[in-house]
Amino acid sequence: MATTTAEHIPPAEVATGDVIADELGARWLVVTSIRFVSNADGGVYCFFGTGPDDRATFDAHETVTRRSRANA
């Protein structure tokens, strides 16, 4: 049986299809597209889902909580 766990990763490791924590929205977000905007501090990652309000933004130096599946 599979169990759901979470891991903390840099935003650069998030991929389309990942499920990440949207802490401001207090929910989980399925990533359907990713946008990266670079700047002198490293940049900002914007993750989008399917709905009009499905988005979460992280500084390149922050960590993202991603759901992962592990076999139990």
PDB file of N, CA and C in Angstrom:
ATOM      1  N   MET A   1       0.839  -1.175   0.000  1.00  0.00           N
ATOM      2  CA  MET A   1       0.000   0.000   0.000  1.00  0.00           C
ATOM      3  C   MET A   1       0.888   1.243   0.000  1.00  0.00           C
ATOM      4  N   ALA A   2       0.489   2.277  -0.729  1.00  0.00           N
ATOM      5  CA  ALA A   2       1.269   3.509  -0.819  1.00  0.00           C
ATOM      6  C   ALA A   2       0.801   4.506   0.231  1.00  0.00           C
ATOM      7  N   THR A   3       1.741   5.265   0.748  1.00  0.00           N
ATOM      8  CA  THR A   3       1.418   6.329   1.689  1.00  0.00           C
ATOM      9  C   THR A   3       1.879   7.652   1.102  1.00  0.00           C
ATOM     10  N   THR A   4       1.257   8.719   1.546  1.00  0.00           N
ATOM     11  CA  THR A   4       1.623  10.041   1.064  1.00  0.00           C
ATOM     12  C   THR A   4       2.536  10.702   2.082  1.00  0.00           C
ATOM     13  N   THR A   5       3.645  11.241   1.613  1.00  0.00           N
ATOM     14  CA  THR A   5       4.576  11.971   2.458  1.00  0.00           C
ATOM     15  C   THR A   5       4.867  13.309   1.800  1.00  0.00           C
ATOM     16  N   ALA A   6       5.559  14.171   2.496  1.00  0.00           N
ATOM     17  CA  ALA A   6       5.936  15.473   1.943  1.00  0.00           C
ATOM     18  C   ALA A   6       7.432  15.668   2.124  1.00  0.00           C
ATOM     19  N   GLU A   7       8.014  16.410   1.200  1.00  0.00           N
ATOM     20  CA  GLU A   7       9.440  16.723   1.268  1.00  0.00           C
ATOM     21  C   GLU A   7       9.628  18.204   0.967  1.00  0.00           C
ATOM     22  N   HIS A   8      10.704  18.768   1.473  1.00  0.00           N
ATOM     23  CA  HIS A   8      11.026  20.180   1.244  1.00  0.00           C
ATOM     24  C   HIS A   8      12.157  20.245   0.224  1.00  0.00           C
ATOM     25  N   ILE A   9      11.899  20.954  -0.881  1.00  0.00           N
ATOM     26  CA  ILE A   9      12.846  21.004  -1.996  1.00  0.00           C
ATOM     27  C   ILE A   9      13.011  22.437  -2.486  1.00  0.00           C
ATOM     28  N   PRO A  10      14.087  22.733  -3.217  1.00  0.00           N
ATOM     29  CA  PRO A  10      14.214  24.048  -3.844  1.00  0.00           C
ATOM     30  C   PRO A  10      13.196  24.175  -4.980  1.00  0.00           C
ATOM     31  N   PRO A  11      12.725  25.371  -5.265  1.00  0.00           N
ATOM     32  CA  PRO A  11      11.731  25.544  -6.325  1.00  0.00           C
ATOM     33  C   PRO A  11      12.203  25.056  -7.690  1.00  0.00           C
ATOM     34  N   ALA A  12      13.496  25.067  -7.939  1.00  0.00           N
ATOM     35  CA  ALA A  12      14.021  24.613  -9.230  1.00  0.00           C
ATOM     36  C   ALA A  12      13.767  23.124  -9.472  1.00  0.00           C
ATOM     37  N   GLU A  13      13.481  22.357  -8.420  1.00  0.00           N
ATOM     38  CA  GLU A  13      13.245  20.919  -8.558  1.00  0.00           C
ATOM     39  C   GLU A  13      11.783  20.566  -8.803  1.00  0.00           C
ATOM     40  N   VAL A  14      10.879  21.539  -8.720  1.00  0.00           N
ATOM     41  CA  VAL A  14       9.458  21.287  -8.959  1.00  0.00           C
ATOM     42  C   VAL A  14       9.240  21.062 -10.453  1.00  0.00           C
ATOM     43  N   ALA A  15       8.423  20.066 -10.783  1.00  0.00           N
ATOM     44  CA  ALA A  15       8.129  19.742 -12.181  1.00  0.00           C
ATOM     45  C   ALA A  15       6.620  19.747 -12.415  1.00  0.00           C
ATOM     46  N   THR A  16       6.238  19.876 -13.668  1.00  0.00           N
ATOM     47  CA  THR A  16       4.833  19.802 -14.039  1.00  0.00           C
ATOM     48  C   THR A  16       4.258  18.473 -13.560  1.00  0.00           C
ATOM     49  N   GLY A  17       3.089  18.527 -12.938  1.00  0.00           N
ATOM     50  CA  GLY A  17       2.457  17.335 -12.384  1.00  0.00           C
ATOM     51  C   GLY A  17       2.700  17.149 -10.904  1.00  0.00           C
ATOM     52  N   ASP A  18       3.696  17.844 -10.348  1.00  0.00           N
ATOM     53  CA  ASP A  18       3.949  17.771  -8.907  1.00  0.00           C
ATOM     54  C   ASP A  18       2.792  18.407  -8.144  1.00  0.00           C
ATOM     55  N   VAL A  19       2.594  17.959  -6.916  1.00  0.00           N
ATOM     56  CA  VAL A  19       1.602  18.543  -6.021  1.00  0.00           C
ATOM     57  C   VAL A  19       2.377  19.273  -4.935  1.00  0.00           C
ATOM     58  N   ILE A  20       2.195  20.601  -4.865  1.00  0.00           N
ATOM     59  CA  ILE A  20       2.950  21.414  -3.912  1.00  0.00           C
ATOM     60  C   ILE A  20       2.000  22.119  -2.950  1.00  0.00           C
ATOM     61  N   ALA A  21       2.534  22.518  -1.806  1.00  0.00           N
ATOM     62  CA  ALA A  21       1.746  23.240  -0.813  1.00  0.00           C
ATOM     63  C   ALA A  21       1.663  24.711  -1.189  1.00  0.00           C
ATOM     64  N   ASP A  22       0.438  25.210  -1.243  1.00  0.00           N
ATOM     65  CA  ASP A  22       0.181  26.641  -1.381  1.00  0.00           C
ATOM     66  C   ASP A  22      -0.146  27.118   0.024  1.00  0.00           C
ATOM     67  N   GLU A  23       0.877  27.565   0.744  1.00  0.00           N
ATOM     68  CA  GLU A  23       0.699  27.893   2.155  1.00  0.00           C
ATOM     69  C   GLU A  23      -0.224  29.087   2.369  1.00  0.00           C
ATOM     70  N   LEU A  24      -0.203  30.062   1.472  1.00  0.00           N
ATOM     71  CA  LEU A  24      -1.100  31.213   1.610  1.00  0.00           C
ATOM     72  C   LEU A  24      -2.551  30.815   1.390  1.00  0.00           C
ATOM     73  N   GLY A  25      -2.785  29.889   0.475  1.00  0.00           N
ATOM     74  CA  GLY A  25      -4.133  29.417   0.198  1.00  0.00           C
ATOM     75  C   GLY A  25      -4.551  28.248   1.067  1.00  0.00           C
ATOM     76  N   ALA A  26      -3.637  27.765   1.900  1.00  0.00           N
ATOM     77  CA  ALA A  26      -3.884  26.633   2.801  1.00  0.00           C
ATOM     78  C   ALA A  26      -4.454  25.436   2.042  1.00  0.00           C
ATOM     79  N   ARG A  27      -3.764  25.055   0.955  1.00  0.00           N
ATOM     80  CA  ARG A  27      -4.223  23.934   0.132  1.00  0.00           C
ATOM     81  C   ARG A  27      -3.047  23.345  -0.639  1.00  0.00           C
ATOM     82  N   TRP A  28      -3.323  22.284  -1.366  1.00  0.00           N
ATOM     83  CA  TRP A  28      -2.346  21.660  -2.250  1.00  0.00           C
ATOM     84  C   TRP A  28      -2.663  22.077  -3.673  1.00  0.00           C
ATOM     85  N   LEU A  29      -1.633  22.277  -4.481  1.00  0.00           N
ATOM     86  CA  LEU A  29      -1.771  22.757  -5.854  1.00  0.00           C
ATOM     87  C   LEU A  29      -1.084  21.778  -6.803  1.00  0.00           C
ATOM     88  N   VAL A  30      -1.808  21.321  -7.822  1.00  0.00           N
ATOM     89  CA  VAL A  30      -1.217  20.474  -8.860  1.00  0.00           C
ATOM     90  C   VAL A  30      -0.608  21.404  -9.905  1.00  0.00           C
ATOM     91  N   VAL A  31       0.694  21.313 -10.104  1.00  0.00           N
ATOM     92  CA  VAL A  31       1.411  22.216 -11.009  1.00  0.00           C
ATOM     93  C   VAL A  31       1.153  21.815 -12.463  1.00  0.00           C
ATOM     94  N   THR A  32       0.595  22.767 -13.249  1.00  0.00           N
ATOM     95  CA  THR A  32       0.371  22.519 -14.679  1.00  0.00           C
ATOM     96  C   THR A  32       1.321  23.332 -15.545  1.00  0.00           C
ATOM     97  N   SER A  33       1.862  24.413 -14.995  1.00  0.00           N
ATOM     98  CA  SER A  33       2.880  25.181 -15.725  1.00  0.00           C
ATOM     99  C   SER A  33       3.753  25.933 -14.735  1.00  0.00           C
ATOM    100  N   ILE A  34       4.957  26.268 -15.200  1.00  0.00           N
ATOM    101  CA  ILE A  34       5.954  26.926 -14.354  1.00  0.00           C
ATOM    102  C   ILE A  34       6.537  28.098 -15.120  1.00  0.00           C
ATOM    103  N   ARG A  35       6.693  29.215 -14.417  1.00  0.00           N
ATOM    104  CA  ARG A  35       7.344  30.383 -15.005  1.00  0.00           C
ATOM    105  C   ARG A  35       8.472  30.814 -14.067  1.00  0.00           C
ATOM    106  N   PHE A  36       9.631  31.132 -14.630  1.00  0.00           N
ATOM    107  CA  PHE A  36      10.773  31.594 -13.842  1.00  0.00           C
ATOM    108  C   PHE A  36      11.171  32.976 -14.331  1.00  0.00           C
ATOM    109  N   VAL A  37      11.321  33.900 -13.403  1.00  0.00           N
ATOM    110  CA  VAL A  37      11.771  35.253 -13.722  1.00  0.00           C
ATOM    111  C   VAL A  37      13.068  35.470 -12.963  1.00  0.00           C
ATOM    112  N   SER A  38      14.173  35.679 -13.692  1.00  0.00           N
ATOM    113  CA  SER A  38      15.468  35.847 -13.033  1.00  0.00           C
ATOM    114  C   SER A  38      15.674  37.297 -12.625  1.00  0.00           C
ATOM    115  N   ASN A  39      16.449  37.459 -11.563  1.00  0.00           N
ATOM    116  CA  ASN A  39      16.852  38.785 -11.100  1.00  0.00           C
ATOM    117  C   ASN A  39      18.197  38.653 -10.391  1.00  0.00           C
ATOM    118  N   ALA A  40      18.705  39.745  -9.873  1.00  0.00           N
ATOM    119  CA  ALA A  40      20.025  39.751  -9.236  1.00  0.00           C
ATOM    120  C   ALA A  40      20.090  38.843  -8.009  1.00  0.00           C
ATOM    121  N   ASP A  41      18.943  38.574  -7.382  1.00  0.00           N
ATOM    122  CA  ASP A  41      18.905  37.732  -6.185  1.00  0.00           C
ATOM    123  C   ASP A  41      18.663  36.263  -6.496  1.00  0.00           C
ATOM    124  N   GLY A  42      18.588  35.897  -7.750  1.00  0.00           N
ATOM    125  CA  GLY A  42      18.383  34.494  -8.107  1.00  0.00           C
ATOM    126  C   GLY A  42      17.096  34.244  -8.857  1.00  0.00           C
ATOM    127  N   GLY A  43      16.062  35.006  -8.574  1.00  0.00           N
ATOM    128  CA  GLY A  43      14.829  34.869  -9.331  1.00  0.00           C
ATOM    129  C   GLY A  43      13.632  34.434  -8.518  1.00  0.00           C
ATOM    130  N   VAL A  44      12.509  34.341  -9.224  1.00  0.00           N
ATOM    131  CA  VAL A  44      11.231  33.978  -8.632  1.00  0.00           C
ATOM    132  C   VAL A  44      10.597  32.889  -9.493  1.00  0.00           C
ATOM    133  N   TYR A  45      10.048  31.874  -8.846  1.00  0.00           N
ATOM    134  CA  TYR A  45       9.347  30.794  -9.531  1.00  0.00           C
ATOM    135  C   TYR A  45       7.850  30.965  -9.296  1.00  0.00           C
ATOM    136  N   CYS A  46       7.074  30.938 -10.375  1.00  0.00           N
ATOM    137  CA  CYS A  46       5.621  31.001 -10.294  1.00  0.00           C
ATOM    138  C   CYS A  46       5.070  29.672 -10.787  1.00  0.00           C
ATOM    139  N   PHE A  47       4.272  29.027  -9.952  1.00  0.00           N
ATOM    140  CA  PHE A  47       3.675  27.736 -10.285  1.00  0.00           C
ATOM    141  C   PHE A  47       2.178  27.934 -10.463  1.00  0.00           C
ATOM    142  N   PHE A  48       1.628  27.382 -11.544  1.00  0.00           N
ATOM    143  CA  PHE A  48       0.226  27.565 -11.881  1.00  0.00           C
ATOM    144  C   PHE A  48      -0.486  26.223 -11.943  1.00  0.00           C
ATOM    145  N   GLY A  49      -1.768  26.241 -11.531  1.00  0.00           N
ATOM    146  CA  GLY A  49      -2.643  25.077 -11.653  1.00  0.00           C
ATOM    147  C   GLY A  49      -3.650  25.324 -12.760  1.00  0.00           C
ATOM    148  N   THR A  50      -4.798  24.665 -12.677  1.00  0.00           N
ATOM    149  CA  THR A  50      -5.792  24.766 -13.743  1.00  0.00           C
ATOM    150  C   THR A  50      -6.794  25.892 -13.553  1.00  0.00           C
ATOM    151  N   GLY A  51      -7.004  26.350 -12.340  1.00  0.00           N
ATOM    152  CA  GLY A  51      -8.001  27.385 -12.080  1.00  0.00           C
ATOM    153  C   GLY A  51      -7.424  28.782 -12.119  1.00  0.00           C
ATOM    154  N   PRO A  52      -8.295  29.789 -12.176  1.00  0.00           N
ATOM    155  CA  PRO A  52      -7.829  31.178 -12.251  1.00  0.00           C
ATOM    156  C   PRO A  52      -7.071  31.643 -11.006  1.00  0.00           C
ATOM    157  N   ASP A  53      -7.335  31.027  -9.868  1.00  0.00           N
ATOM    158  CA  ASP A  53      -6.645  31.394  -8.634  1.00  0.00           C
ATOM    159  C   ASP A  53      -5.598  30.366  -8.230  1.00  0.00           C
ATOM    160  N   ASP A  54      -5.307  29.427  -9.107  1.00  0.00           N
ATOM    161  CA  ASP A  54      -4.337  28.372  -8.811  1.00  0.00           C
ATOM    162  C   ASP A  54      -2.936  28.828  -9.178  1.00  0.00           C
ATOM    163  N   ARG A  55      -2.293  29.513  -8.238  1.00  0.00           N
ATOM    164  CA  ARG A  55      -0.917  29.944  -8.455  1.00  0.00           C
ATOM    165  C   ARG A  55      -0.230  30.122  -7.101  1.00  0.00           C
ATOM    166  N   ALA A  56       1.062  29.869  -7.117  1.00  0.00           N
ATOM    167  CA  ALA A  56       1.890  30.058  -5.925  1.00  0.00           C
ATOM    168  C   ALA A  56       3.252  30.547  -6.398  1.00  0.00           C
ATOM    169  N   THR A  57       3.825  31.492  -5.668  1.00  0.00           N
ATOM    170  CA  THR A  57       5.095  32.101  -6.058  1.00  0.00           C
ATOM    171  C   THR A  57       6.113  31.906  -4.942  1.00  0.00           C
ATOM    172  N   PHE A  58       7.326  31.533  -5.334  1.00  0.00           N
ATOM    173  CA  PHE A  58       8.402  31.303  -4.378  1.00  0.00           C
ATOM    174  C   PHE A  58       9.673  31.978  -4.857  1.00  0.00           C
ATOM    175  N   ASP A  59      10.388  32.593  -3.932  1.00  0.00           N
ATOM    176  CA  ASP A  59      11.719  33.117  -4.220  1.00  0.00           C
ATOM    177  C   ASP A  59      12.644  31.922  -4.454  1.00  0.00           C
ATOM    178  N   ALA A  60      13.651  32.096  -5.280  1.00  0.00           N
ATOM    179  CA  ALA A  60      14.571  30.998  -5.601  1.00  0.00           C
ATOM    180  C   ALA A  60      15.273  30.439  -4.362  1.00  0.00           C
ATOM    181  N   HIS A  61      15.352  31.206  -3.282  1.00  0.00           N
ATOM    182  CA  HIS A  61      16.045  30.772  -2.070  1.00  0.00           C
ATOM    183  C   HIS A  61      15.112  30.121  -1.048  1.00  0.00           C
ATOM    184  N   GLU A  62      13.803  30.110  -1.315  1.00  0.00           N
ATOM    185  CA  GLU A  62      12.841  29.477  -0.416  1.00  0.00           C
ATOM    186  C   GLU A  62      12.787  27.974  -0.687  1.00  0.00           C
ATOM    187  N   THR A  63      12.111  27.254   0.202  1.00  0.00           N
ATOM    188  CA  THR A  63      11.857  25.841  -0.060  1.00  0.00           C
ATOM    189  C   THR A  63      10.373  25.652  -0.351  1.00  0.00           C
ATOM    190  N   VAL A  64      10.089  24.624  -1.125  1.00  0.00           N
ATOM    191  CA  VAL A  64       8.725  24.278  -1.501  1.00  0.00           C
ATOM    192  C   VAL A  64       8.400  22.928  -0.873  1.00  0.00           C
ATOM    193  N   THR A  65       7.205  22.794  -0.319  1.00  0.00           N
ATOM    194  CA  THR A  65       6.766  21.507   0.201  1.00  0.00           C
ATOM    195  C   THR A  65       6.060  20.771  -0.929  1.00  0.00           C
ATOM    196  N   ARG A  66       6.592  19.603  -1.278  1.00  0.00           N
ATOM    197  CA  ARG A  66       6.034  18.803  -2.371  1.00  0.00           C
ATOM    198  C   ARG A  66       5.571  17.462  -1.827  1.00  0.00           C
ATOM    199  N   ARG A  67       4.377  17.056  -2.239  1.00  0.00           N
ATOM    200  CA  ARG A  67       3.898  15.721  -1.883  1.00  0.00           C
ATOM    201  C   ARG A  67       4.682  14.696  -2.678  1.00  0.00           C
ATOM    202  N   SER A  68       5.028  13.623  -2.031  1.00  0.00           N
ATOM    203  CA  SER A  68       5.688  12.519  -2.726  1.00  0.00           C
ATOM    204  C   SER A  68       4.987  11.233  -2.333  1.00  0.00           C
ATOM    205  N   ARG A  69       5.101  10.234  -3.176  1.00  0.00           N
ATOM    206  CA  ARG A  69       4.487   8.935  -2.898  1.00  0.00           C
ATOM    207  C   ARG A  69       5.596   7.953  -2.528  1.00  0.00           C
ATOM    208  N   ALA A  70       5.391   7.238  -1.448  1.00  0.00           N
ATOM    209  CA  ALA A  70       6.366   6.231  -1.014  1.00  0.00           C
ATOM    210  C   ALA A  70       5.620   4.929  -0.752  1.00  0.00           C
ATOM    211  N   ASN A  71       6.230   3.845  -1.048  1.00  0.00           N
ATOM    212  CA  ASN A  71       5.608   2.546  -0.771  1.00  0.00           C
ATOM    213  C   ASN A  71       5.746   2.212   0.700  1.00  0.00           C
ATOM    214  N   ALA A  72       4.664   1.762   1.274  1.00  0.00           N
ATOM    215  CA  ALA A  72       4.677   1.391   2.691  1.00  0.00           C
ATOM    216  C   ALA A  72       4.808  -0.105   2.844  1.00  0.00           C
TER     217      ALA A  72
END
